[in-house]
């Protein structure tokens, strides 16, 4: 799996060039994947562990109000 991540690390999606039906297909696939994941009995534990890891790393992904670039506290 790590090699797949390395091979696809530079792939970017340009939504401006995609027809609407492709965007809809991507959204539907993502939603279906999320729903399948959430049906797992251990889904909440996985999400809680990931949240804890992000908090320990000091990640800003969980901030409800992201800081503007260049803004001081």
PDB file of N, CA and C in Angstrom:
ATOM      1  N   UNK A   1       0.823  -1.203   0.000  1.00  0.00           N
ATOM      2  CA  UNK A   1       0.000   0.000   0.000  1.00  0.00           C
ATOM      3  C   UNK A   1       0.863   1.261   0.000  1.00  0.00           C
ATOM      4  N   UNK A   2       1.985   1.239   0.692  1.00  0.00           N
ATOM      5  CA  UNK A   2       2.840   2.426   0.744  1.00  0.00           C
ATOM      6  C   UNK A   2       3.330   2.799  -0.652  1.00  0.00           C
ATOM      7  N   UNK A   3       3.624   1.811  -1.480  1.00  0.00           N
ATOM      8  CA  UNK A   3       4.096   2.128  -2.821  1.00  0.00           C
ATOM      9  C   UNK A   3       3.001   2.801  -3.651  1.00  0.00           C
ATOM     10  N   UNK A   4       1.755   2.408  -3.452  1.00  0.00           N
ATOM     11  CA  UNK A   4       0.649   3.060  -4.155  1.00  0.00           C
ATOM     12  C   UNK A   4       0.550   4.526  -3.734  1.00  0.00           C
ATOM     13  N   UNK A   5       0.715   4.808  -2.451  1.00  0.00           N
ATOM     14  CA  UNK A   5       0.679   6.191  -1.972  1.00  0.00           C
ATOM     15  C   UNK A   5       1.812   6.998  -2.595  1.00  0.00           C
ATOM     16  N   UNK A   6       2.992   6.414  -2.692  1.00  0.00           N
ATOM     17  CA  UNK A   6       4.119   7.119  -3.288  1.00  0.00           C
ATOM     18  C   UNK A   6       3.868   7.391  -4.768  1.00  0.00           C
ATOM     19  N   UNK A   7       3.284   6.424  -5.471  1.00  0.00           N
ATOM     20  CA  UNK A   7       3.033   6.582  -6.897  1.00  0.00           C
ATOM     21  C   UNK A   7       1.963   7.627  -7.179  1.00  0.00           C
ATOM     22  N   UNK A   8       1.018   7.794  -6.285  1.00  0.00           N
ATOM     23  CA  UNK A   8      -0.091   8.714  -6.524  1.00  0.00           C
ATOM     24  C   UNK A   8       0.055  10.033  -5.767  1.00  0.00           C
ATOM     25  N   UNK A   9       1.163  10.245  -5.093  1.00  0.00           N
ATOM     26  CA  UNK A   9       1.332  11.444  -4.268  1.00  0.00           C
ATOM     27  C   UNK A   9       1.237  12.727  -5.081  1.00  0.00           C
ATOM     28  N   UNK A  10       1.665  12.722  -6.322  1.00  0.00           N
ATOM     29  CA  UNK A  10       1.655  13.930  -7.128  1.00  0.00           C
ATOM     30  C   UNK A  10       0.394  14.118  -7.956  1.00  0.00           C
ATOM     31  N   UNK A  11      -0.573  13.243  -7.835  1.00  0.00           N
ATOM     32  CA  UNK A  11      -1.790  13.336  -8.631  1.00  0.00           C
ATOM     33  C   UNK A  11      -2.681  14.451  -8.085  1.00  0.00           C
ATOM     34  N   UNK A  12      -3.111  15.310  -8.958  1.00  0.00           N
ATOM     35  CA  UNK A  12      -4.001  16.419  -8.572  1.00  0.00           C
ATOM     36  C   UNK A  12      -5.266  16.342  -9.419  1.00  0.00           C
ATOM     37  N   UNK A  13      -6.389  16.688  -8.826  1.00  0.00           N
ATOM     38  CA  UNK A  13      -7.653  16.743  -9.534  1.00  0.00           C
ATOM     39  C   UNK A  13      -7.978  18.197  -9.852  1.00  0.00           C
ATOM     40  N   UNK A  14      -8.222  18.491 -11.099  1.00  0.00           N
ATOM     41  CA  UNK A  14      -8.605  19.840 -11.504  1.00  0.00           C
ATOM     42  C   UNK A  14     -10.106  19.848 -11.756  1.00  0.00           C
ATOM     43  N   UNK A  15     -10.854  20.263 -10.757  1.00  0.00           N
ATOM     44  CA  UNK A  15     -12.308  20.235 -10.837  1.00  0.00           C
ATOM     45  C   UNK A  15     -12.847  21.203 -11.887  1.00  0.00           C
ATOM     46  N   UNK A  16     -12.102  22.236 -12.195  1.00  0.00           N
ATOM     47  CA  UNK A  16     -12.557  23.190 -13.208  1.00  0.00           C
ATOM     48  C   UNK A  16     -12.622  22.544 -14.591  1.00  0.00           C
ATOM     49  N   UNK A  17     -11.810  21.519 -14.825  1.00  0.00           N
ATOM     50  CA  UNK A  17     -11.791  20.857 -16.124  1.00  0.00           C
ATOM     51  C   UNK A  17     -12.746  19.670 -16.210  1.00  0.00           C
ATOM     52  N   UNK A  18     -13.336  19.280 -15.087  1.00  0.00           N
ATOM     53  CA  UNK A  18     -14.205  18.096 -15.056  1.00  0.00           C
ATOM     54  C   UNK A  18     -15.637  18.442 -15.402  1.00  0.00           C
ATOM     55  N   UNK A  19     -16.258  17.586 -16.188  1.00  0.00           N
ATOM     56  CA  UNK A  19     -17.694  17.781 -16.410  1.00  0.00           C
ATOM     57  C   UNK A  19     -18.461  17.496 -15.109  1.00  0.00           C
ATOM     58  N   UNK A  20     -19.632  18.063 -14.997  1.00  0.00           N
ATOM     59  CA  UNK A  20     -20.426  17.908 -13.775  1.00  0.00           C
ATOM     60  C   UNK A  20     -20.709  16.448 -13.430  1.00  0.00           C
ATOM     61  N   UNK A  21     -20.933  15.609 -14.438  1.00  0.00           N
ATOM     62  CA  UNK A  21     -21.253  14.217 -14.127  1.00  0.00           C
ATOM     63  C   UNK A  21     -20.071  13.493 -13.491  1.00  0.00           C
ATOM     64  N   UNK A  22     -18.844  13.879 -13.834  1.00  0.00           N
ATOM     65  CA  UNK A  22     -17.662  13.272 -13.220  1.00  0.00           C
ATOM     66  C   UNK A  22     -17.549  13.736 -11.762  1.00  0.00           C
ATOM     67  N   UNK A  23     -17.789  15.010 -11.514  1.00  0.00           N
ATOM     68  CA  UNK A  23     -17.780  15.522 -10.139  1.00  0.00           C
ATOM     69  C   UNK A  23     -18.825  14.803  -9.298  1.00  0.00           C
ATOM     70  N   UNK A  24     -20.006  14.594  -9.881  1.00  0.00           N
ATOM     71  CA  UNK A  24     -21.074  13.891  -9.172  1.00  0.00           C
ATOM     72  C   UNK A  24     -20.675  12.451  -8.865  1.00  0.00           C
ATOM     73  N   UNK A  25     -20.060  11.774  -9.830  1.00  0.00           N
ATOM     74  CA  UNK A  25     -19.598  10.397  -9.611  1.00  0.00           C
ATOM     75  C   UNK A  25     -18.560  10.330  -8.495  1.00  0.00           C
ATOM     76  N   UNK A  26     -17.626  11.282  -8.469  1.00  0.00           N
ATOM     77  CA  UNK A  26     -16.612  11.319  -7.405  1.00  0.00           C
ATOM     78  C   UNK A  26     -17.256  11.551  -6.045  1.00  0.00           C
ATOM     79  N   UNK A  27     -18.193  12.484  -5.993  1.00  0.00           N
ATOM     80  CA  UNK A  27     -18.871  12.776  -4.731  1.00  0.00           C
ATOM     81  C   UNK A  27     -19.644  11.558  -4.244  1.00  0.00           C
ATOM     82  N   UNK A  28     -20.321  10.880  -5.142  1.00  0.00           N
ATOM     83  CA  UNK A  28     -21.089   9.698  -4.772  1.00  0.00           C
ATOM     84  C   UNK A  28     -20.178   8.572  -4.271  1.00  0.00           C
ATOM     85  N   UNK A  29     -19.050   8.377  -4.936  1.00  0.00           N
ATOM     86  CA  UNK A  29     -18.108   7.339  -4.517  1.00  0.00           C
ATOM     87  C   UNK A  29     -17.535   7.648  -3.131  1.00  0.00           C
ATOM     88  N   UNK A  30     -17.203   8.923  -2.895  1.00  0.00           N
ATOM     89  CA  UNK A  30     -16.673   9.313  -1.586  1.00  0.00           C
ATOM     90  C   UNK A  30     -17.720   9.112  -0.497  1.00  0.00           C
ATOM     91  N   UNK A  31     -18.962   9.502  -0.767  1.00  0.00           N
ATOM     92  CA  UNK A  31     -20.038   9.348   0.211  1.00  0.00           C
ATOM     93  C   UNK A  31     -20.289   7.871   0.521  1.00  0.00           C
ATOM     94  N   UNK A  32     -20.297   7.042  -0.514  1.00  0.00           N
ATOM     95  CA  UNK A  32     -20.497   5.609  -0.308  1.00  0.00           C
ATOM     96  C   UNK A  32     -19.363   4.994   0.508  1.00  0.00           C
ATOM     97  N   UNK A  33     -18.135   5.410   0.235  1.00  0.00           N
ATOM     98  CA  UNK A  33     -16.991   4.906   0.996  1.00  0.00           C
ATOM     99  C   UNK A  33     -17.099   5.317   2.467  1.00  0.00           C
ATOM    100  N   UNK A  34     -17.500   6.565   2.698  1.00  0.00           N
ATOM    101  CA  UNK A  34     -17.680   7.043   4.070  1.00  0.00           C
ATOM    102  C   UNK A  34     -18.762   6.240   4.792  1.00  0.00           C
ATOM    103  N   UNK A  35     -19.876   6.008   4.120  1.00  0.00           N
ATOM    104  CA  UNK A  35     -20.955   5.247   4.743  1.00  0.00           C
ATOM    105  C   UNK A  35     -20.519   3.808   5.060  1.00  0.00           C
ATOM    106  N   UNK A  36     -19.776   3.184   4.144  1.00  0.00           N
ATOM    107  CA  UNK A  36     -19.277   1.824   4.414  1.00  0.00           C
ATOM    108  C   UNK A  36     -18.345   1.821   5.616  1.00  0.00           C
ATOM    109  N   UNK A  37     -17.471   2.823   5.687  1.00  0.00           N
ATOM    110  CA  UNK A  37     -16.548   2.914   6.817  1.00  0.00           C
ATOM    111  C   UNK A  37     -17.311   3.066   8.134  1.00  0.00           C
ATOM    112  N   UNK A  38     -18.310   3.937   8.150  1.00  0.00           N
ATOM    113  CA  UNK A  38     -19.042   4.212   9.383  1.00  0.00           C
ATOM    114  C   UNK A  38     -19.876   3.021   9.854  1.00  0.00           C
ATOM    115  N   UNK A  39     -20.137   2.066   8.986  1.00  0.00           N
ATOM    116  CA  UNK A  39     -20.858   0.856   9.392  1.00  0.00           C
ATOM    117  C   UNK A  39     -19.951  -0.130  10.129  1.00  0.00           C
ATOM    118  N   UNK A  40     -18.651   0.095  10.065  1.00  0.00           N
ATOM    119  CA  UNK A  40     -17.729  -0.786  10.781  1.00  0.00           C
ATOM    120  C   UNK A  40     -17.930  -0.602  12.291  1.00  0.00           C
ATOM    121  N   UNK A  41     -17.883  -1.692  13.054  1.00  0.00           N
ATOM    122  CA  UNK A  41     -18.060  -1.568  14.502  1.00  0.00           C
ATOM    123  C   UNK A  41     -16.958  -0.743  15.167  1.00  0.00           C
ATOM    124  N   UNK A  42     -15.785  -0.706  14.565  1.00  0.00           N
ATOM    125  CA  UNK A  42     -14.659   0.010  15.171  1.00  0.00           C
ATOM    126  C   UNK A  42     -14.436   1.399  14.567  1.00  0.00           C
ATOM    127  N   UNK A  43     -15.381   1.888  13.767  1.00  0.00           N
ATOM    128  CA  UNK A  43     -15.200   3.174  13.083  1.00  0.00           C
ATOM    129  C   UNK A  43     -14.990   4.319  14.072  1.00  0.00           C
ATOM    130  N   UNK A  44     -15.810   4.399  15.111  1.00  0.00           N
ATOM    131  CA  UNK A  44     -15.684   5.493  16.075  1.00  0.00           C
ATOM    132  C   UNK A  44     -14.337   5.444  16.782  1.00  0.00           C
ATOM    133  N   UNK A  45     -13.878   4.254  17.142  1.00  0.00           N
ATOM    134  CA  UNK A  45     -12.576   4.123  17.805  1.00  0.00           C
ATOM    135  C   UNK A  45     -11.446   4.567  16.872  1.00  0.00           C
ATOM    136  N   UNK A  46     -11.551   4.227  15.593  1.00  0.00           N
ATOM    137  CA  UNK A  46     -10.538   4.645  14.620  1.00  0.00           C
ATOM    138  C   UNK A  46     -10.518   6.162  14.502  1.00  0.00           C
ATOM    139  N   UNK A  47     -11.690   6.774  14.386  1.00  0.00           N
ATOM    140  CA  UNK A  47     -11.762   8.233  14.267  1.00  0.00           C
ATOM    141  C   UNK A  47     -11.258   8.929  15.530  1.00  0.00           C
ATOM    142  N   UNK A  48     -11.609   8.391  16.706  1.00  0.00           N
ATOM    143  CA  UNK A  48     -11.137   8.984  17.961  1.00  0.00           C
ATOM    144  C   UNK A  48      -9.621   8.893  18.077  1.00  0.00           C
ATOM    145  N   UNK A  49      -9.041   7.767  17.674  1.00  0.00           N
ATOM    146  CA  UNK A  49      -7.587   7.600  17.728  1.00  0.00           C
ATOM    147  C   UNK A  49      -6.901   8.566  16.766  1.00  0.00           C
ATOM    148  N   UNK A  50      -7.476   8.743  15.585  1.00  0.00           N
ATOM    149  CA  UNK A  50      -6.896   9.676  14.619  1.00  0.00           C
ATOM    150  C   UNK A  50      -6.999  11.115  15.119  1.00  0.00           C
ATOM    151  N   UNK A  51      -8.114  11.451  15.732  1.00  0.00           N
ATOM    152  CA  UNK A  51      -8.290  12.795  16.299  1.00  0.00           C
ATOM    153  C   UNK A  51      -7.247  13.043  17.389  1.00  0.00           C
ATOM    154  N   UNK A  52      -7.042  12.077  18.251  1.00  0.00           N
ATOM    155  CA  UNK A  52      -6.042  12.205  19.320  1.00  0.00           C
ATOM    156  C   UNK A  52      -4.641  12.376  18.739  1.00  0.00           C
ATOM    157  N   UNK A  53      -4.322  11.597  17.703  1.00  0.00           N
ATOM    158  CA  UNK A  53      -3.002  11.704  17.074  1.00  0.00           C
ATOM    159  C   UNK A  53      -2.801  13.099  16.481  1.00  0.00           C
ATOM    160  N   UNK A  54      -3.817  13.616  15.797  1.00  0.00           N
ATOM    161  CA  UNK A  54      -3.714  14.949  15.210  1.00  0.00           C
ATOM    162  C   UNK A  54      -3.537  16.015  16.287  1.00  0.00           C
ATOM    163  N   UNK A  55      -4.264  15.873  17.385  1.00  0.00           N
ATOM    164  CA  UNK A  55      -4.142  16.847  18.480  1.00  0.00           C
ATOM    165  C   UNK A  55      -2.737  16.804  19.084  1.00  0.00           C
ATOM    166  N   UNK A  56      -2.187  15.615  19.274  1.00  0.00           N
ATOM    167  CA  UNK A  56      -0.849  15.485  19.844  1.00  0.00           C
ATOM    168  C   UNK A  56       0.215  16.075  18.918  1.00  0.00           C
ATOM    169  N   UNK A  57      -0.014  15.973  17.616  1.00  0.00           N
ATOM    170  CA  UNK A  57       0.924  16.531  16.645  1.00  0.00           C
ATOM    171  C   UNK A  57       0.763  18.046  16.494  1.00  0.00           C
ATOM    172  N   UNK A  58      -0.277  18.593  17.075  1.00  0.00           N
ATOM    173  CA  UNK A  58      -0.513  20.026  16.954  1.00  0.00           C
ATOM    174  C   UNK A  58      -1.119  20.419  15.613  1.00  0.00           C
ATOM    175  N   UNK A  59      -1.777  19.479  14.961  1.00  0.00           N
ATOM    176  CA  UNK A  59      -2.376  19.748  13.663  1.00  0.00           C
ATOM    177  C   UNK A  59      -3.486  20.783  13.785  1.00  0.00           C
ATOM    178  N   UNK A  60      -3.642  21.589  12.750  1.00  0.00           N
ATOM    179  CA  UNK A  60      -4.719  22.577  12.715  1.00  0.00           C
ATOM    180  C   UNK A  60      -5.930  22.060  11.934  1.00  0.00           C
ATOM    181  N   UNK A  61      -5.903  20.800  11.507  1.00  0.00           N
ATOM    182  CA  UNK A  61      -7.020  20.241  10.743  1.00  0.00           C
ATOM    183  C   UNK A  61      -8.321  20.237  11.526  1.00  0.00           C
ATOM    184  N   UNK A  62      -8.237  20.191  12.847  1.00  0.00           N
ATOM    185  CA  UNK A  62      -9.440  20.104  13.672  1.00  0.00           C
ATOM    186  C   UNK A  62      -9.926  21.456  14.167  1.00  0.00           C
ATOM    187  N   UNK A  63      -9.212  22.539  13.818  1.00  0.00           N
ATOM    188  CA  UNK A  63      -9.617  23.878  14.258  1.00  0.00           C
ATOM    189  C   UNK A  63     -10.899  24.297  13.565  1.00  0.00           C
ATOM    190  N   UNK A  64     -11.935  24.681  14.328  1.00  0.00           N
ATOM    191  CA  UNK A  64     -13.180  25.108  13.695  1.00  0.00           C
ATOM    192  C   UNK A  64     -13.029  26.426  12.948  1.00  0.00           C
ATOM    193  N   UNK A  65     -12.116  27.291  13.402  1.00  0.00           N
ATOM    194  CA  UNK A  65     -11.876  28.571  12.744  1.00  0.00           C
ATOM    195  C   UNK A  65     -10.395  28.649  12.379  1.00  0.00           C
ATOM    196  N   UNK A  66     -10.036  28.219  11.186  1.00  0.00           N
ATOM    197  CA  UNK A  66      -8.619  28.254  10.796  1.00  0.00           C
ATOM    198  C   UNK A  66      -8.089  29.691  10.800  1.00  0.00           C
ATOM    199  N   UNK A  67      -6.853  29.828  11.220  1.00  0.00           N
ATOM    200  CA  UNK A  67      -6.203  31.139  11.266  1.00  0.00           C
ATOM    201  C   UNK A  67      -5.883  31.594   9.840  1.00  0.00           C
ATOM    202  N   UNK A  68      -6.049  32.885   9.604  1.00  0.00           N
ATOM    203  CA  UNK A  68      -5.694  33.435   8.307  1.00  0.00           C
ATOM    204  C   UNK A  68      -4.175  33.524   8.219  1.00  0.00           C
ATOM    205  N   UNK A  69      -3.669  33.349   7.034  1.00  0.00           N
ATOM    206  CA  UNK A  69      -2.238  33.418   6.803  1.00  0.00           C
ATOM    207  C   UNK A  69      -1.720  34.785   7.233  1.00  0.00           C
ATOM    208  N   UNK A  70      -0.664  34.783   8.031  1.00  0.00           N
ATOM    209  CA  UNK A  70      -0.069  36.028   8.478  1.00  0.00           C
ATOM    210  C   UNK A  70      -0.730  36.646   9.694  1.00  0.00           C
ATOM    211  N   UNK A  71      -1.798  36.062  10.189  1.00  0.00           N
ATOM    212  CA  UNK A  71      -2.492  36.627  11.366  1.00  0.00           C
ATOM    213  C   UNK A  71      -1.745  36.246  12.644  1.00  0.00           C
ATOM    214  N   UNK A  72      -1.662  37.173  13.560  1.00  0.00           N
ATOM    215  CA  UNK A  72      -1.018  36.921  14.851  1.00  0.00           C
ATOM    216  C   UNK A  72      -2.066  36.672  15.908  1.00  0.00           C
ATOM    217  N   UNK A  73      -1.687  35.920  16.935  1.00  0.00           N
ATOM    218  CA  UNK A  73      -2.623  35.661  18.050  1.00  0.00           C
ATOM    219  C   UNK A  73      -2.765  36.854  18.929  1.00  0.00           C
TER     220      UNK A  73
END
